[in-house]
Structures are given as C-alpha cells and as structure tokens.
Amino acid sequence: MTPLDQAARHDLLEVIDDRGNGKSTLITSQLPIEHWHAWLNDPTLADAILDRLVHRSHRIVLKGESMRRKSSAKPAADTSS
C-alpha cells in the first residue's frame, strides 16, 4: 500500500477532527493499526490521527481464512435443469 501524500494526510486529519465530537465514524482497513504510522509517513500527523481514531474507539479484529477462498473452493451448483 502506498503511503499517503501530505495533502491526503491533512484531509484525513481534517475529516477525523470534524467528526470527532459526538459523531459516529466507521473506518475499515485491511492494514493493521500497528502499520499505520509507516503508511501515514509523517510521525507528527500519524500521532494526531491515531490519537483521535483510537480514543473512545471500538475495534473488531477479524481473524481466519478469507471468506473468498472458502466460497471459491465450493463447487458451483448445477443449474442446467
């Protein structure tokens, strides 16, 4: 995943900051939170963004095999009748 450029980092911080007080925000990512500092590519803004995201957050970490792999391994149903 390509790190964010400066404009994208500032936009992300602005969105999170605007939504921070009293508004629900849902963020999904395949990138574990532990790798976000490197992805954000700016220690100061990464700290500010992650501080706002992690504060009062609820994290759901999914583990296990991909559902795509499980469903693609099943043979297709015969629909020729």
N, C-alpha and C. Protein backbone atom coordinates (compact mmCIF):
# COMPACT_ATOMS: atom_id res chain seq x y z
N MET A 1 0.85 -1.16 0.00
CA MET A 1 0.00 0.00 0.00
C MET A 1 0.90 1.24 0.00
N THR A 2 0.62 2.16 -0.87
CA THR A 2 1.41 3.38 -0.99
C THR A 2 1.12 4.33 0.17
N PRO A 3 2.18 4.88 0.79
CA PRO A 3 1.95 5.85 1.87
C PRO A 3 1.19 7.07 1.36
N LEU A 4 0.45 7.72 2.25
CA LEU A 4 -0.31 8.91 1.88
C LEU A 4 0.61 10.10 1.64
N ASP A 5 0.23 10.95 0.69
CA ASP A 5 0.99 12.18 0.49
C ASP A 5 0.51 13.23 1.50
N GLN A 6 1.17 14.38 1.51
CA GLN A 6 0.89 15.41 2.52
C GLN A 6 -0.55 15.90 2.46
N ALA A 7 -1.06 16.14 1.28
CA ALA A 7 -2.44 16.63 1.15
C ALA A 7 -3.44 15.60 1.66
N ALA A 8 -3.23 14.34 1.35
CA ALA A 8 -4.14 13.28 1.81
C ALA A 8 -4.09 13.12 3.32
N ARG A 9 -2.90 13.25 3.91
CA ARG A 9 -2.78 13.17 5.38
C ARG A 9 -3.56 14.29 6.05
N HIS A 10 -3.41 15.50 5.53
CA HIS A 10 -4.13 16.64 6.10
C HIS A 10 -5.64 16.49 5.92
N ASP A 11 -6.07 15.99 4.76
CA ASP A 11 -7.50 15.76 4.54
C ASP A 11 -8.05 14.73 5.52
N LEU A 12 -7.31 13.64 5.72
CA LEU A 12 -7.74 12.61 6.66
C LEU A 12 -7.86 13.17 8.07
N LEU A 13 -6.87 13.93 8.50
CA LEU A 13 -6.91 14.54 9.83
C LEU A 13 -8.11 15.48 9.95
N GLU A 14 -8.37 16.26 8.92
CA GLU A 14 -9.49 17.20 8.97
C GLU A 14 -10.83 16.47 9.09
N VAL A 15 -11.00 15.41 8.33
CA VAL A 15 -12.25 14.63 8.39
C VAL A 15 -12.42 14.03 9.78
N ILE A 16 -11.37 13.41 10.30
CA ILE A 16 -11.45 12.78 11.62
C ILE A 16 -11.68 13.83 12.70
N ASP A 17 -11.02 14.96 12.58
CA ASP A 17 -11.18 16.04 13.56
C ASP A 17 -12.61 16.60 13.54
N ASP A 18 -13.16 16.80 12.35
CA ASP A 18 -14.52 17.32 12.23
C ASP A 18 -15.56 16.36 12.79
N ARG A 19 -15.31 15.07 12.67
CA ARG A 19 -16.27 14.06 13.12
C ARG A 19 -16.03 13.65 14.56
N GLY A 20 -14.98 14.13 15.17
CA GLY A 20 -14.55 13.64 16.47
C GLY A 20 -15.48 13.79 17.63
N ASN A 21 -16.22 14.86 17.72
CA ASN A 21 -17.05 15.10 18.90
C ASN A 21 -18.51 14.80 18.64
N GLY A 22 -18.93 13.65 19.10
CA GLY A 22 -20.34 13.31 19.06
C GLY A 22 -20.87 12.71 17.78
N LYS A 23 -20.03 12.44 16.82
CA LYS A 23 -20.49 11.84 15.57
C LYS A 23 -19.82 10.49 15.40
N SER A 24 -20.61 9.50 15.04
CA SER A 24 -20.06 8.17 14.81
C SER A 24 -19.33 8.14 13.48
N THR A 25 -18.22 7.44 13.46
CA THR A 25 -17.44 7.29 12.24
C THR A 25 -16.98 5.85 12.16
N LEU A 26 -17.19 5.22 11.03
CA LEU A 26 -16.77 3.85 10.81
C LEU A 26 -15.62 3.84 9.82
N ILE A 27 -14.53 3.23 10.22
CA ILE A 27 -13.36 3.11 9.35
C ILE A 27 -13.00 1.64 9.26
N THR A 28 -12.84 1.14 8.06
CA THR A 28 -12.41 -0.24 7.87
C THR A 28 -11.07 -0.24 7.15
N SER A 29 -10.26 -1.23 7.46
CA SER A 29 -8.95 -1.32 6.84
C SER A 29 -8.42 -2.74 6.92
N GLN A 30 -7.73 -3.15 5.88
CA GLN A 30 -7.03 -4.42 5.92
C GLN A 30 -5.65 -4.25 6.55
N LEU A 31 -5.22 -3.01 6.69
CA LEU A 31 -3.90 -2.72 7.26
C LEU A 31 -4.02 -2.63 8.78
N PRO A 32 -3.30 -3.47 9.51
CA PRO A 32 -3.36 -3.41 10.97
C PRO A 32 -2.94 -2.04 11.49
N ILE A 33 -3.55 -1.61 12.57
CA ILE A 33 -3.28 -0.29 13.16
C ILE A 33 -1.79 -0.10 13.48
N GLU A 34 -1.10 -1.20 13.76
CA GLU A 34 0.33 -1.13 14.08
C GLU A 34 1.17 -0.64 12.90
N HIS A 35 0.63 -0.72 11.68
CA HIS A 35 1.37 -0.31 10.48
C HIS A 35 0.96 1.07 9.97
N TRP A 36 0.03 1.71 10.66
CA TRP A 36 -0.47 3.00 10.18
C TRP A 36 0.56 4.11 10.24
N HIS A 37 1.46 4.10 11.22
CA HIS A 37 2.50 5.14 11.29
C HIS A 37 3.33 5.14 10.01
N ALA A 38 3.74 3.96 9.57
CA ALA A 38 4.54 3.87 8.34
C ALA A 38 3.71 4.28 7.13
N TRP A 39 2.45 3.88 7.09
CA TRP A 39 1.58 4.21 5.97
C TRP A 39 1.30 5.70 5.89
N LEU A 40 1.10 6.33 7.05
CA LEU A 40 0.84 7.77 7.07
C LEU A 40 2.09 8.58 6.73
N ASN A 41 3.26 8.03 7.02
CA ASN A 41 4.53 8.58 6.55
C ASN A 41 4.84 9.97 7.08
N ASP A 42 4.35 10.30 8.27
CA ASP A 42 4.66 11.56 8.93
C ASP A 42 4.39 11.36 10.42
N PRO A 43 5.45 11.24 11.23
CA PRO A 43 5.26 10.89 12.65
C PRO A 43 4.32 11.83 13.41
N THR A 44 4.40 13.11 13.16
CA THR A 44 3.57 14.07 13.90
C THR A 44 2.10 13.93 13.53
N LEU A 45 1.81 13.91 12.24
CA LEU A 45 0.42 13.76 11.81
C LEU A 45 -0.11 12.36 12.13
N ALA A 46 0.74 11.36 12.04
CA ALA A 46 0.32 10.00 12.40
C ALA A 46 -0.11 9.94 13.85
N ASP A 47 0.66 10.56 14.74
CA ASP A 47 0.28 10.61 16.15
C ASP A 47 -1.06 11.31 16.34
N ALA A 48 -1.25 12.43 15.66
CA ALA A 48 -2.50 13.19 15.80
C ALA A 48 -3.69 12.39 15.27
N ILE A 49 -3.53 11.77 14.11
CA ILE A 49 -4.61 11.00 13.51
C ILE A 49 -4.94 9.78 14.36
N LEU A 50 -3.92 9.02 14.74
CA LEU A 50 -4.16 7.80 15.52
C LEU A 50 -4.70 8.11 16.91
N ASP A 51 -4.26 9.21 17.51
CA ASP A 51 -4.78 9.59 18.81
C ASP A 51 -6.29 9.82 18.73
N ARG A 52 -6.72 10.50 17.69
CA ARG A 52 -8.15 10.78 17.51
C ARG A 52 -8.94 9.51 17.16
N LEU A 53 -8.34 8.64 16.36
CA LEU A 53 -9.02 7.41 15.98
C LEU A 53 -9.15 6.42 17.13
N VAL A 54 -8.10 6.25 17.89
CA VAL A 54 -8.07 5.22 18.93
C VAL A 54 -8.84 5.65 20.17
N HIS A 55 -8.89 6.95 20.43
CA HIS A 55 -9.61 7.46 21.59
C HIS A 55 -11.09 7.12 21.48
N ARG A 56 -11.63 6.45 22.47
CA ARG A 56 -13.03 6.03 22.53
C ARG A 56 -13.44 5.17 21.33
N SER A 57 -12.53 4.36 20.81
CA SER A 57 -12.87 3.53 19.66
C SER A 57 -13.25 2.12 20.09
N HIS A 58 -13.92 1.44 19.21
CA HIS A 58 -14.22 0.02 19.36
C HIS A 58 -13.60 -0.67 18.16
N ARG A 59 -12.69 -1.58 18.42
CA ARG A 59 -12.02 -2.27 17.32
C ARG A 59 -12.51 -3.70 17.23
N ILE A 60 -12.77 -4.13 16.03
CA ILE A 60 -13.13 -5.52 15.75
C ILE A 60 -12.06 -6.05 14.81
N VAL A 61 -11.29 -7.00 15.30
CA VAL A 61 -10.21 -7.59 14.50
C VAL A 61 -10.68 -8.96 14.04
N LEU A 62 -10.77 -9.13 12.74
CA LEU A 62 -11.19 -10.41 12.19
C LEU A 62 -9.97 -11.28 11.94
N LYS A 63 -10.10 -12.54 12.29
CA LYS A 63 -9.00 -13.48 12.08
C LYS A 63 -9.55 -14.69 11.34
N GLY A 64 -8.68 -15.38 10.68
CA GLY A 64 -9.10 -16.60 10.00
C GLY A 64 -8.90 -16.48 8.50
N GLU A 65 -9.29 -17.54 7.85
CA GLU A 65 -9.12 -17.63 6.41
C GLU A 65 -10.12 -16.71 5.70
N SER A 66 -9.73 -16.22 4.55
CA SER A 66 -10.58 -15.35 3.76
C SER A 66 -11.87 -16.06 3.37
N MET A 67 -12.99 -15.38 3.48
CA MET A 67 -14.28 -15.94 3.06
C MET A 67 -14.30 -16.16 1.55
N ARG A 68 -13.56 -15.37 0.81
CA ARG A 68 -13.50 -15.56 -0.65
C ARG A 68 -12.88 -16.90 -0.99
N ARG A 69 -11.83 -17.27 -0.26
CA ARG A 69 -11.20 -18.56 -0.51
C ARG A 69 -12.14 -19.70 -0.16
N LYS A 70 -12.86 -19.55 0.94
CA LYS A 70 -13.78 -20.61 1.36
C LYS A 70 -14.90 -20.78 0.34
N SER A 71 -15.48 -19.69 -0.13
CA SER A 71 -16.61 -19.81 -1.05
C SER A 71 -16.16 -20.21 -2.45
N SER A 72 -14.95 -19.86 -2.86
CA SER A 72 -14.49 -20.24 -4.20
C SER A 72 -14.08 -21.71 -4.25
N ALA A 73 -13.83 -22.34 -3.12
CA ALA A 73 -13.44 -23.75 -3.08
C ALA A 73 -14.65 -24.67 -3.25
N LYS A 74 -15.87 -24.16 -3.04
CA LYS A 74 -17.07 -24.98 -3.18
C LYS A 74 -17.43 -25.10 -4.65
N PRO A 75 -17.83 -26.30 -5.08
CA PRO A 75 -18.23 -26.45 -6.49
C PRO A 75 -19.53 -25.69 -6.76
N ALA A 76 -19.66 -25.17 -7.95
CA ALA A 76 -20.86 -24.42 -8.33
C ALA A 76 -22.05 -25.36 -8.42
N ALA A 77 -23.23 -24.89 -8.05
CA ALA A 77 -24.44 -25.69 -8.11
C ALA A 77 -24.85 -25.89 -9.57
N ASP A 78 -25.40 -27.06 -9.88
CA ASP A 78 -25.86 -27.36 -11.23
C ASP A 78 -27.20 -26.67 -11.46
N THR A 79 -27.25 -25.75 -12.41
CA THR A 79 -28.50 -25.02 -12.71
C THR A 79 -28.98 -25.30 -14.12
N SER A 80 -28.61 -26.46 -14.69
CA SER A 80 -28.94 -26.76 -16.09
C SER A 80 -30.32 -27.39 -16.27
N SER A 81 -31.09 -27.62 -15.21
CA SER A 81 -32.38 -28.28 -15.39
C SER A 81 -33.49 -27.37 -15.74
